[in-house]
Amino acid sequence: MPSSDSQAPQLNEAARLADELQAAGFTKSSIARIIDRDASLVSQFYTRGKGAAFVPALTRVLAAVHTAGITDPDALADIAAPHITRRTTTSGSRARVRTKAVLITPAGTGTGRAGAQAIASGAARLRPLIAEAARQGLRLAFTIRMPKSGYTLASGSRADSPGIRRDVVQRADHTEERSYGSAATGGFDAADFAHRIDAAGGDVTAAVHRWLLETGRIHQDAHITHLEVRTWRRR
């Protein structure tokens, strides 16, 4: 009778290389950044057997890490880029990479949300929205959800979110949603948050967490579970 080990699914080459990079200290989010794709694709190396097109790039990235000691994601992205080829269609033309459209109306209004899974990988889907809002000189506001114990200020405190006429939403799982910024209060400069995200290596979750920490609204170990960003054009 074959052993259970022989029945274990075998990792494809992309997943194996991703495992080696994670053993070297990289996260799935940083690997995704290196190959210029969403972190969900890296997860699909394991769950759906994807990633064959990225094997040459990941091989060279891993070699750069081990032999040259390069750890900067941007430098590794430069190494990977020439070795990433697009899939081709049956006619031989390049297949399009599927991406989510960034929707900002002519009035400047746009909304993006990130749930628990996206939050864990840095809420990367919100970065293009904030970057475009910064390019257009828009204002933004955001709503976060986290366990009540993560906040330092009482629910509804004007010191926490002054001028926001929106009730704090309390959930049955002991989390709270709180909103920061609005058209009535002027909101925040999208460019400032775009710079913060760049400084956090593209991690939107980390950038928002740092702002909340710097402004005394949360504890150091607070964990954001959901995040929503809204934009508009100042009149």
Protein backbone atom coordinates (compact mmCIF):
# COMPACT_ATOMS: atom_id res chain seq x y z
CA MET A 1 0.00 0.00 0.00
CA PRO A 2 1.54 3.38 -1.00
CA SER A 3 2.44 5.77 1.79
CA SER A 4 0.44 8.93 2.32
CA ASP A 5 3.53 10.91 1.34
CA SER A 6 3.39 9.51 -2.17
CA GLN A 7 -0.16 10.79 -2.51
CA ALA A 8 0.68 14.36 -1.48
CA PRO A 9 0.25 16.86 -4.32
CA GLN A 10 3.50 18.00 -5.91
CA LEU A 11 4.22 21.73 -6.08
CA ASN A 12 4.75 23.09 -9.54
CA GLU A 13 8.02 24.88 -10.31
CA ALA A 14 6.61 28.37 -9.74
CA ALA A 15 5.27 27.37 -6.30
CA ARG A 16 8.59 25.72 -5.42
CA LEU A 17 10.50 28.88 -6.33
CA ALA A 18 7.99 31.00 -4.41
CA ASP A 19 8.54 28.75 -1.39
CA GLU A 20 12.29 29.31 -1.62
CA LEU A 21 11.81 33.05 -1.80
CA GLN A 22 9.51 32.96 1.23
CA ALA A 23 12.14 30.94 3.09
CA ALA A 24 14.55 33.77 2.24
CA GLY A 25 12.24 36.27 3.93
CA PHE A 26 9.92 37.47 1.17
CA THR A 27 6.13 37.48 1.44
CA LYS A 28 3.65 36.52 -1.27
CA SER A 29 2.87 40.22 -1.54
CA SER A 30 6.51 41.13 -2.20
CA ILE A 31 6.89 38.27 -4.69
CA ALA A 32 3.83 39.60 -6.52
CA ARG A 33 5.38 43.05 -6.56
CA ILE A 34 8.59 41.65 -8.02
CA ILE A 35 6.75 40.01 -10.92
CA ASP A 36 4.35 42.98 -11.24
CA ARG A 37 1.21 40.99 -10.57
CA ASP A 38 -1.46 40.72 -7.85
CA ALA A 39 -0.70 38.63 -4.75
CA SER A 40 -3.72 36.46 -5.54
CA LEU A 41 -1.84 35.12 -8.58
CA VAL A 42 1.02 33.94 -6.37
CA SER A 43 -1.50 32.05 -4.23
CA GLN A 44 -2.76 30.41 -7.41
CA PHE A 45 0.71 28.92 -7.98
CA TYR A 46 -0.30 26.57 -5.13
CA THR A 47 -4.05 26.24 -5.58
CA ARG A 48 -4.46 26.21 -9.36
CA GLY A 49 -1.06 25.23 -10.70
CA LYS A 50 -0.45 28.61 -12.34
CA GLY A 51 2.85 30.44 -12.75
CA ALA A 52 4.72 28.62 -15.53
CA ALA A 53 5.28 31.91 -17.38
CA PHE A 54 7.09 33.33 -14.33
CA VAL A 55 9.54 30.46 -13.75
CA PRO A 56 12.44 32.03 -15.72
CA ALA A 57 12.00 35.34 -13.89
CA LEU A 58 11.67 33.72 -10.45
CA THR A 59 14.74 31.56 -11.14
CA ARG A 60 16.85 34.64 -11.85
CA VAL A 61 15.41 36.50 -8.89
CA LEU A 62 16.26 33.63 -6.57
CA ALA A 63 19.79 33.49 -7.99
CA ALA A 64 20.19 37.23 -7.36
CA VAL A 65 19.06 36.78 -3.77
CA HIS A 66 21.36 33.84 -3.05
CA THR A 67 24.47 34.85 -5.00
CA ALA A 68 24.39 38.64 -4.86
CA GLY A 69 22.44 39.18 -1.66
CA ILE A 70 19.93 41.48 -3.38
CA THR A 71 16.79 41.90 -1.27
CA ASP A 72 15.27 45.17 -2.53
CA PRO A 73 11.98 44.30 -4.32
CA ASP A 74 12.39 47.12 -6.86
CA ALA A 75 15.88 45.94 -7.80
CA LEU A 76 14.62 42.38 -8.08
CA ALA A 77 11.68 43.56 -10.19
CA ASP A 78 14.20 45.07 -12.63
CA ILE A 79 15.93 41.69 -12.81
CA ALA A 80 12.67 39.83 -13.31
CA ALA A 81 11.05 42.10 -15.91
CA PRO A 82 13.05 41.03 -19.02
CA HIS A 83 12.24 37.37 -18.30
CA ILE A 84 8.47 37.68 -17.95
CA THR A 85 6.64 36.84 -21.16
CA ARG A 86 2.95 37.27 -21.82
CA ARG A 87 0.76 34.27 -22.60
CA THR A 88 -0.21 33.96 -26.25
CA THR A 89 -3.61 33.30 -27.76
CA THR A 90 -4.30 30.50 -30.24
CA SER A 91 -3.59 32.98 -33.05
CA GLY A 92 -0.16 33.70 -31.60
CA SER A 93 -0.87 37.23 -30.38
CA ARG A 94 -0.17 38.33 -26.82
CA ALA A 95 -2.95 37.62 -24.37
CA ARG A 96 -4.18 40.55 -22.34
CA VAL A 97 -3.46 40.60 -18.62
CA ARG A 98 -6.75 40.82 -16.78
CA THR A 99 -6.83 43.71 -14.38
CA LYS A 100 -9.59 45.42 -12.45
CA ALA A 101 -10.55 48.79 -13.84
CA VAL A 102 -9.96 51.80 -11.64
CA LEU A 103 -13.24 53.67 -11.66
CA ILE A 104 -13.06 57.39 -10.99
CA THR A 105 -15.88 59.40 -12.48
CA PRO A 106 -15.40 62.78 -14.18
CA ALA A 107 -16.57 64.35 -10.91
CA GLY A 108 -13.67 62.63 -9.18
CA THR A 109 -15.73 60.17 -7.16
CA GLY A 110 -14.43 56.66 -6.77
CA THR A 111 -14.66 53.85 -4.23
CA GLY A 112 -12.50 50.85 -3.47
CA ARG A 113 -12.85 48.17 -0.81
CA ALA A 114 -10.53 45.54 0.62
CA GLY A 115 -11.70 42.64 2.77
CA ALA A 116 -9.78 40.37 5.11
CA GLN A 117 -7.91 38.43 2.41
CA ALA A 118 -6.84 41.54 0.50
CA ILE A 119 -5.89 43.30 3.75
CA ALA A 120 -3.49 40.46 4.56
CA SER A 121 -1.65 41.06 1.28
CA GLY A 122 -1.45 44.82 1.73
CA ALA A 123 -4.75 45.83 0.07
CA ALA A 124 -2.87 46.12 -3.24
CA ARG A 125 -6.11 46.59 -5.19
CA LEU A 126 -6.57 50.01 -3.54
CA ARG A 127 -3.15 51.35 -4.54
CA PRO A 128 -4.05 52.19 -8.19
CA LEU A 129 -7.19 54.01 -7.04
CA ILE A 130 -5.22 56.16 -4.59
CA ALA A 131 -2.43 56.74 -7.12
CA GLU A 132 -4.92 57.94 -9.73
CA ALA A 133 -6.65 60.13 -7.14
CA ALA A 134 -3.25 61.66 -6.33
CA ARG A 135 -2.55 62.25 -10.03
CA GLN A 136 -5.86 64.08 -10.38
CA GLY A 137 -5.36 66.10 -7.19
CA LEU A 138 -8.39 64.58 -5.48
CA ARG A 139 -9.39 64.35 -1.83
CA LEU A 140 -10.06 61.09 -0.06
CA ALA A 141 -11.68 59.58 3.00
CA PHE A 142 -11.62 56.08 4.34
CA THR A 143 -13.52 53.73 6.59
CA ILE A 144 -11.71 51.07 8.57
CA ARG A 145 -12.98 48.09 10.48
CA MET A 146 -11.06 46.46 13.32
CA PRO A 147 -11.64 44.92 16.76
CA LYS A 148 -12.92 47.50 19.25
CA SER A 149 -9.94 46.83 21.48
CA GLY A 150 -7.64 48.19 18.79
CA TYR A 151 -8.93 51.75 19.13
CA THR A 152 -7.57 54.14 21.73
CA LEU A 153 -10.49 56.61 21.62
CA ALA A 154 -14.10 55.96 22.61
CA SER A 155 -16.73 55.19 19.98
CA GLY A 156 -18.12 58.39 18.48
CA SER A 157 -15.43 60.58 20.02
CA ARG A 158 -15.07 63.90 18.18
CA ALA A 159 -11.33 63.67 18.80
CA ASP A 160 -11.30 60.44 16.80
CA SER A 161 -13.19 61.65 13.74
CA PRO A 162 -14.18 65.32 14.17
CA GLY A 163 -17.08 66.57 12.10
CA ILE A 164 -18.10 63.15 10.74
CA ARG A 165 -21.88 62.82 11.04
CA ARG A 166 -21.93 59.07 10.67
CA ASP A 167 -22.66 56.55 13.38
CA VAL A 168 -19.95 54.12 14.37
CA VAL A 169 -21.01 50.71 13.07
CA GLN A 170 -20.62 48.03 15.72
CA ARG A 171 -20.51 44.42 14.54
CA ALA A 172 -21.54 41.21 16.30
CA ASP A 173 -17.94 39.96 16.03
CA HIS A 174 -16.77 42.79 18.34
CA THR A 175 -15.35 44.88 15.51
CA GLU A 176 -16.20 48.50 14.73
CA GLU A 177 -16.28 50.52 11.54
CA ARG A 178 -15.12 54.10 11.83
CA SER A 179 -14.93 56.73 9.10
CA TYR A 180 -12.17 59.30 8.67
CA GLY A 181 -12.57 62.31 6.40
CA SER A 182 -15.56 63.56 4.39
CA ALA A 183 -16.45 66.20 1.82
CA ALA A 184 -17.85 68.31 4.69
CA THR A 185 -14.55 68.30 6.57
CA GLY A 186 -12.34 68.49 3.47
CA GLY A 187 -10.99 64.96 3.78
CA PHE A 188 -7.34 64.17 3.13
CA ASP A 189 -4.93 64.92 0.31
CA ALA A 190 -4.74 61.82 -1.88
CA ALA A 191 -1.15 62.72 -2.82
CA ASP A 192 -0.10 62.59 0.83
CA PHE A 193 -1.51 59.08 1.22
CA ALA A 194 0.03 58.01 -2.09
CA HIS A 195 3.44 59.09 -0.71
CA ARG A 196 2.77 57.21 2.50
CA ILE A 197 1.94 54.07 0.53
CA ASP A 198 5.11 54.40 -1.54
CA ALA A 199 7.11 54.77 1.69
CA ALA A 200 5.46 51.57 2.96
CA GLY A 201 6.62 49.66 -0.11
CA GLY A 202 3.18 49.74 -1.71
CA ASP A 203 1.42 48.27 1.32
CA VAL A 204 -1.81 50.26 1.67
CA THR A 205 -2.79 48.49 4.89
CA ALA A 206 0.54 49.34 6.53
CA ALA A 207 0.36 52.98 5.40
CA VAL A 208 -3.14 53.49 6.83
CA HIS A 209 -2.17 51.63 10.03
CA ARG A 210 0.86 53.90 10.42
CA TRP A 211 -1.28 57.04 9.98
CA LEU A 212 -3.77 55.83 12.58
CA LEU A 213 -0.90 55.05 14.95
CA GLU A 214 0.83 58.40 14.37
CA THR A 215 -2.40 60.28 15.09
CA GLY A 216 -2.99 58.35 18.31
CA ARG A 217 -6.17 56.59 17.20
CA ILE A 218 -5.10 52.96 17.57
CA HIS A 219 -2.81 50.73 19.59
CA GLN A 220 0.42 49.39 18.12
CA ASP A 221 -0.91 45.84 17.80
CA ALA A 222 -4.28 46.86 16.28
CA HIS A 223 -5.28 44.78 13.26
CA ILE A 224 -7.29 46.27 10.39
CA THR A 225 -9.74 43.73 8.97
CA HIS A 226 -11.51 45.80 6.28
CA LEU A 227 -10.75 49.06 4.50
CA GLU A 228 -12.76 51.30 2.17
CA VAL A 229 -11.44 54.35 0.31
CA ARG A 230 -13.60 57.09 -1.22
CA THR A 231 -12.44 59.96 -3.46
CA TRP A 232 -13.92 63.22 -4.72
CA ARG A 233 -12.88 66.47 -6.36
CA ARG A 234 -12.78 69.52 -4.14
CA ARG A 235 -15.10 72.29 -5.31
